[in-house]
Amino acid sequence: MIAGRVALVTGASSGIGLATARTLHARGARVALLARSTDRLNEIAGELGDGALALPGDVADVAFLHQAVQRVVAEFGGLDILVNNAGIHYRGSMLRHSPEQLAQMIAVNTAGPIALTRIAVDHMPPGSVIVNVASLAGKLPVPGAATYSGSKAGVRFWAMAAAEDLAE
């Protein structure tokens, strides 16, 4: 049952994240939309109306993640569903990209979901749900996507191991 629950969706400004946020909201959840694009998030929150909250910021910024979860809990009274969807992909050989860009992929795609989950679980009651959106690239190495593949494999394997920690 989704009605009345509170969801936080990262990468909510487009694609899978936006579709997920819209679906959750349409089914009665209050939805916090997290992404870097302030204008787009405000537009989406306005379209959704009551029960939608724009949280512009970067999942690679752990201090921001603490603030975002606190705001969701303050505004909506709790947190029941976390969707770790935000991602970044600099396409092509890793040799074409700066070390900073490669580190950013790991920070957003792997470290962000890990940190956000750890922050969020302190506010999530039993029966809550965490969804980690990964990629086929995390199961099979994709040519021209070494760092992206590694970041998505990391989140996949972390999620499987974290399930044991979070089972209670």
C-alpha atoms as a PDB file:
ATOM      1  CA  MET A   1       0.000   0.000   0.000  1.00  0.00           C
ATOM      2  CA  ILE A   2       1.445   3.356  -1.021  1.00  0.00           C
ATOM      3  CA  ALA A   3      -1.284   5.838  -0.061  1.00  0.00           C
ATOM      4  CA  GLY A   4      -0.276   7.921   2.939  1.00  0.00           C
ATOM      5  CA  ARG A   5       3.372   6.887   2.794  1.00  0.00           C
ATOM      6  CA  VAL A   6       6.296   9.290   2.406  1.00  0.00           C
ATOM      7  CA  ALA A   7       8.828   8.763  -0.382  1.00  0.00           C
ATOM      8  CA  LEU A   8      12.157  10.380  -1.183  1.00  0.00           C
ATOM      9  CA  VAL A   9      13.209   9.940  -4.812  1.00  0.00           C
ATOM     10  CA  THR A  10      16.652  10.973  -6.046  1.00  0.00           C
ATOM     11  CA  GLY A  11      17.229  11.854  -9.673  1.00  0.00           C
ATOM     12  CA  ALA A  12      13.596  12.980  -9.692  1.00  0.00           C
ATOM     13  CA  SER A  13      13.941  15.652 -12.374  1.00  0.00           C
ATOM     14  CA  SER A  14      13.824  13.285 -15.359  1.00  0.00           C
ATOM     15  CA  GLY A  15      13.664   9.716 -16.626  1.00  0.00           C
ATOM     16  CA  ILE A  16      13.123   6.828 -14.219  1.00  0.00           C
ATOM     17  CA  GLY A  17      13.224   9.076 -11.152  1.00  0.00           C
ATOM     18  CA  LEU A  18      10.559  11.423 -12.471  1.00  0.00           C
ATOM     19  CA  ALA A  19       8.329   8.548 -13.601  1.00  0.00           C
ATOM     20  CA  THR A  20       8.719   6.897 -10.196  1.00  0.00           C
ATOM     21  CA  ALA A  21       7.923  10.110  -8.315  1.00  0.00           C
ATOM     22  CA  ARG A  22       4.841  10.730 -10.453  1.00  0.00           C
ATOM     23  CA  THR A  23       3.624   7.156  -9.962  1.00  0.00           C
ATOM     24  CA  LEU A  24       4.111   7.243  -6.194  1.00  0.00           C
ATOM     25  CA  HIS A  25       2.338  10.612  -5.946  1.00  0.00           C
ATOM     26  CA  ALA A  26      -0.544   9.421  -8.151  1.00  0.00           C
ATOM     27  CA  ARG A  27      -0.995   6.469  -5.784  1.00  0.00           C
ATOM     28  CA  GLY A  28      -1.291   8.720  -2.757  1.00  0.00           C
ATOM     29  CA  ALA A  29       2.250   9.028  -1.426  1.00  0.00           C
ATOM     30  CA  ARG A  30       3.754  12.326  -0.395  1.00  0.00           C
ATOM     31  CA  VAL A  31       6.911  12.654  -2.465  1.00  0.00           C
ATOM     32  CA  ALA A  32      10.155  14.536  -1.887  1.00  0.00           C
ATOM     33  CA  LEU A  33      11.878  15.179  -5.220  1.00  0.00           C
ATOM     34  CA  LEU A  34      15.669  15.362  -5.031  1.00  0.00           C
ATOM     35  CA  ALA A  35      17.906  16.424  -7.943  1.00  0.00           C
ATOM     36  CA  ARG A  36      20.370  19.182  -8.799  1.00  0.00           C
ATOM     37  CA  SER A  37      18.073  21.190 -11.091  1.00  0.00           C
ATOM     38  CA  THR A  38      16.221  23.696  -8.902  1.00  0.00           C
ATOM     39  CA  ASP A  39      13.950  25.161 -11.586  1.00  0.00           C
ATOM     40  CA  ARG A  40      12.934  21.772 -12.944  1.00  0.00           C
ATOM     41  CA  LEU A  41      12.199  20.359  -9.469  1.00  0.00           C
ATOM     42  CA  ASN A  42      10.077  23.376  -8.566  1.00  0.00           C
ATOM     43  CA  GLU A  43       8.175  22.979 -11.845  1.00  0.00           C
ATOM     44  CA  ILE A  44       7.520  19.283 -11.158  1.00  0.00           C
ATOM     45  CA  ALA A  45       6.476  19.919  -7.550  1.00  0.00           C
ATOM     46  CA  GLY A  46       4.088  22.580  -8.827  1.00  0.00           C
ATOM     47  CA  GLU A  47       2.609  20.166 -11.368  1.00  0.00           C
ATOM     48  CA  LEU A  48       2.123  17.470  -8.731  1.00  0.00           C
ATOM     49  CA  GLY A  49       0.664  19.884  -6.191  1.00  0.00           C
ATOM     50  CA  ASP A  50      -0.040  19.016  -2.567  1.00  0.00           C
ATOM     51  CA  GLY A  51       2.207  16.327  -1.178  1.00  0.00           C
ATOM     52  CA  ALA A  52       5.204  17.164  -3.385  1.00  0.00           C
ATOM     53  CA  LEU A  53       8.370  18.765  -2.057  1.00  0.00           C
ATOM     54  CA  ALA A  54      11.315  19.975  -4.164  1.00  0.00           C
ATOM     55  CA  LEU A  55      14.739  19.337  -2.630  1.00  0.00           C
ATOM     56  CA  PRO A  56      17.372  20.734  -4.991  1.00  0.00           C
ATOM     57  CA  GLY A  57      20.844  19.452  -4.205  1.00  0.00           C
ATOM     58  CA  ASP A  58      23.565  16.968  -5.013  1.00  0.00           C
ATOM     59  CA  VAL A  59      23.556  13.367  -3.733  1.00  0.00           C
ATOM     60  CA  ALA A  60      27.357  13.542  -3.624  1.00  0.00           C
ATOM     61  CA  ASP A  61      27.101  16.176  -0.849  1.00  0.00           C
ATOM     62  CA  VAL A  62      26.668  14.240   2.403  1.00  0.00           C
ATOM     63  CA  ALA A  63      25.933  17.376   4.453  1.00  0.00           C
ATOM     64  CA  PHE A  64      23.095  18.170   2.035  1.00  0.00           C
ATOM     65  CA  LEU A  65      21.753  14.617   2.368  1.00  0.00           C
ATOM     66  CA  HIS A  66      21.457  15.044   6.151  1.00  0.00           C
ATOM     67  CA  GLN A  67      19.548  18.309   5.623  1.00  0.00           C
ATOM     68  CA  ALA A  68      17.308  16.784   2.940  1.00  0.00           C
ATOM     69  CA  VAL A  69      16.232  13.860   5.118  1.00  0.00           C
ATOM     70  CA  GLN A  70      15.619  16.192   8.060  1.00  0.00           C
ATOM     71  CA  ARG A  71      13.456  18.396   5.850  1.00  0.00           C
ATOM     72  CA  VAL A  72      11.415  15.432   4.572  1.00  0.00           C
ATOM     73  CA  VAL A  73      10.793  14.258   8.134  1.00  0.00           C
ATOM     74  CA  ALA A  74       9.907  17.796   9.298  1.00  0.00           C
ATOM     75  CA  GLU A  75       7.563  18.475   6.352  1.00  0.00           C
ATOM     76  CA  PHE A  76       5.908  15.067   6.049  1.00  0.00           C
ATOM     77  CA  GLY A  77       6.338  13.515   9.491  1.00  0.00           C
ATOM     78  CA  GLY A  78       8.467  10.546   8.479  1.00  0.00           C
ATOM     79  CA  LEU A  79      10.006   8.563   5.655  1.00  0.00           C
ATOM     80  CA  ASP A  80       8.788   5.192   4.375  1.00  0.00           C
ATOM     81  CA  ILE A  81      10.194   4.805   0.854  1.00  0.00           C
ATOM     82  CA  LEU A  82      13.662   5.696  -0.422  1.00  0.00           C
ATOM     83  CA  VAL A  83      14.410   5.462  -4.131  1.00  0.00           C
ATOM     84  CA  ASN A  84      18.138   5.813  -4.868  1.00  0.00           C
ATOM     85  CA  ASN A  85      17.974   6.643  -8.556  1.00  0.00           C
ATOM     86  CA  ALA A  86      20.284   9.608  -9.178  1.00  0.00           C
ATOM     87  CA  GLY A  87      23.130   8.837 -11.529  1.00  0.00           C
ATOM     88  CA  ILE A  88      25.700  10.395 -13.781  1.00  0.00           C
ATOM     89  CA  HIS A  89      27.531   8.904 -16.742  1.00  0.00           C
ATOM     90  CA  TYR A  90      30.394  10.444 -18.664  1.00  0.00           C
ATOM     91  CA  ARG A  91      30.366   8.271 -21.763  1.00  0.00           C
ATOM     92  CA  GLY A  92      33.431   7.001 -23.544  1.00  0.00           C
ATOM     93  CA  SER A  93      36.848   5.768 -22.509  1.00  0.00           C
ATOM     94  CA  MET A  94      37.906   6.769 -19.022  1.00  0.00           C
ATOM     95  CA  LEU A  95      41.017   8.236 -20.630  1.00  0.00           C
ATOM     96  CA  ARG A  96      38.821  10.949 -22.201  1.00  0.00           C
ATOM     97  CA  HIS A  97      37.652  12.188 -18.817  1.00  0.00           C
ATOM     98  CA  SER A  98      39.311  13.971 -15.937  1.00  0.00           C
ATOM     99  CA  PRO A  99      39.999  12.228 -12.639  1.00  0.00           C
ATOM    100  CA  GLU A 100      37.428  14.617 -11.117  1.00  0.00           C
ATOM    101  CA  GLN A 101      34.725  13.430 -13.521  1.00  0.00           C
ATOM    102  CA  LEU A 102      35.515   9.790 -12.770  1.00  0.00           C
ATOM    103  CA  ALA A 103      35.425  10.459  -9.030  1.00  0.00           C
ATOM    104  CA  GLN A 104      32.103  12.268  -9.477  1.00  0.00           C
ATOM    105  CA  MET A 105      30.581   9.154 -11.065  1.00  0.00           C
ATOM    106  CA  ILE A 106      31.590   7.087  -8.031  1.00  0.00           C
ATOM    107  CA  ALA A 107      30.372   9.787  -5.619  1.00  0.00           C
ATOM    108  CA  VAL A 108      26.946  10.111  -7.253  1.00  0.00           C
ATOM    109  CA  ASN A 109      26.319   6.539  -8.388  1.00  0.00           C
ATOM    110  CA  THR A 110      27.785   4.579  -5.470  1.00  0.00           C
ATOM    111  CA  ALA A 111      28.736   6.690  -2.453  1.00  0.00           C
ATOM    112  CA  GLY A 112      25.572   8.821  -2.626  1.00  0.00           C
ATOM    113  CA  PRO A 113      23.118   5.934  -2.292  1.00  0.00           C
ATOM    114  CA  ILE A 114      25.190   4.369   0.484  1.00  0.00           C
ATOM    115  CA  ALA A 115      25.368   7.592   2.506  1.00  0.00           C
ATOM    116  CA  LEU A 116      21.730   8.525   1.885  1.00  0.00           C
ATOM    117  CA  THR A 117      20.509   5.085   2.891  1.00  0.00           C
ATOM    118  CA  ARG A 118      22.505   5.216   6.115  1.00  0.00           C
ATOM    119  CA  ILE A 119      21.062   8.655   6.920  1.00  0.00           C
ATOM    120  CA  ALA A 120      17.507   7.711   5.964  1.00  0.00           C
ATOM    121  CA  VAL A 121      17.235   4.406   7.832  1.00  0.00           C
ATOM    122  CA  ASP A 122      17.359   6.205  11.177  1.00  0.00           C
ATOM    123  CA  HIS A 123      13.989   7.740  10.236  1.00  0.00           C
ATOM    124  CA  MET A 124      12.362   4.757   8.508  1.00  0.00           C
ATOM    125  CA  PRO A 125       9.997   2.489  10.459  1.00  0.00           C
ATOM    126  CA  PRO A 126       9.877  -1.290  10.066  1.00  0.00           C
ATOM    127  CA  GLY A 127       8.249  -2.248   6.775  1.00  0.00           C
ATOM    128  CA  SER A 128       9.838   0.618   4.897  1.00  0.00           C
ATOM    129  CA  VAL A 129      11.211   0.137   1.396  1.00  0.00           C
ATOM    130  CA  ILE A 130      14.541   1.041  -0.203  1.00  0.00           C
ATOM    131  CA  VAL A 131      14.860   0.778  -3.975  1.00  0.00           C
ATOM    132  CA  ASN A 132      18.285   1.073  -5.599  1.00  0.00           C
ATOM    133  CA  VAL A 133      18.201   1.740  -9.332  1.00  0.00           C
ATOM    134  CA  ALA A 134      21.313   0.365 -10.986  1.00  0.00           C
ATOM    135  CA  SER A 135      21.995  -0.673 -14.557  1.00  0.00           C
ATOM    136  CA  LEU A 136      22.744  -3.654 -16.712  1.00  0.00           C
ATOM    137  CA  ALA A 137      26.199  -2.044 -16.901  1.00  0.00           C
ATOM    138  CA  GLY A 138      26.599  -3.095 -13.269  1.00  0.00           C
ATOM    139  CA  LYS A 139      26.246  -6.750 -14.246  1.00  0.00           C
ATOM    140  CA  LEU A 140      28.248  -6.778 -17.466  1.00  0.00           C
ATOM    141  CA  PRO A 141      31.166  -4.488 -18.273  1.00  0.00           C
ATOM    142  CA  VAL A 142      30.226  -2.066 -21.010  1.00  0.00           C
ATOM    143  CA  PRO A 143      32.950  -0.882 -23.424  1.00  0.00           C
ATOM    144  CA  GLY A 144      33.532   2.845 -23.002  1.00  0.00           C
ATOM    145  CA  ALA A 145      31.915   2.792 -19.581  1.00  0.00           C
ATOM    146  CA  ALA A 146      34.514   1.348 -17.224  1.00  0.00           C
ATOM    147  CA  THR A 147      33.917   3.729 -14.335  1.00  0.00           C
ATOM    148  CA  TYR A 148      30.148   3.807 -14.830  1.00  0.00           C
ATOM    149  CA  SER A 149      30.029  -0.006 -14.911  1.00  0.00           C
ATOM    150  CA  GLY A 150      32.140  -0.170 -11.773  1.00  0.00           C
ATOM    151  CA  SER A 151      29.970   2.365  -9.973  1.00  0.00           C
ATOM    152  CA  LYS A 152      26.774   0.473 -10.802  1.00  0.00           C
ATOM    153  CA  ALA A 153      28.323  -2.893  -9.906  1.00  0.00           C
ATOM    154  CA  GLY A 154      29.349  -1.326  -6.609  1.00  0.00           C
ATOM    155  CA  VAL A 155      25.827  -0.200  -5.785  1.00  0.00           C
ATOM    156  CA  ARG A 156      24.404  -3.593  -6.807  1.00  0.00           C
ATOM    157  CA  PHE A 157      26.767  -5.555  -4.584  1.00  0.00           C
ATOM    158  CA  TRP A 158      26.460  -3.072  -1.726  1.00  0.00           C
ATOM    159  CA  ALA A 159      22.658  -3.336  -1.887  1.00  0.00           C
ATOM    160  CA  MET A 160      22.771  -7.122  -1.670  1.00  0.00           C
ATOM    161  CA  ALA A 161      25.074  -7.013   1.348  1.00  0.00           C
ATOM    162  CA  ALA A 162      23.201  -4.104   2.973  1.00  0.00           C
ATOM    163  CA  ALA A 163      19.969  -6.087   2.754  1.00  0.00           C
ATOM    164  CA  GLU A 164      21.402  -8.319   5.481  1.00  0.00           C
ATOM    165  CA  ASP A 165      22.161  -5.311   7.704  1.00  0.00           C
ATOM    166  CA  LEU A 166      18.736  -3.807   7.068  1.00  0.00           C
ATOM    167  CA  ALA A 167      16.652  -6.980   7.315  1.00  0.00           C
ATOM    168  CA  GLU A 168      15.492  -6.139  10.826  1.00  0.00           C
END
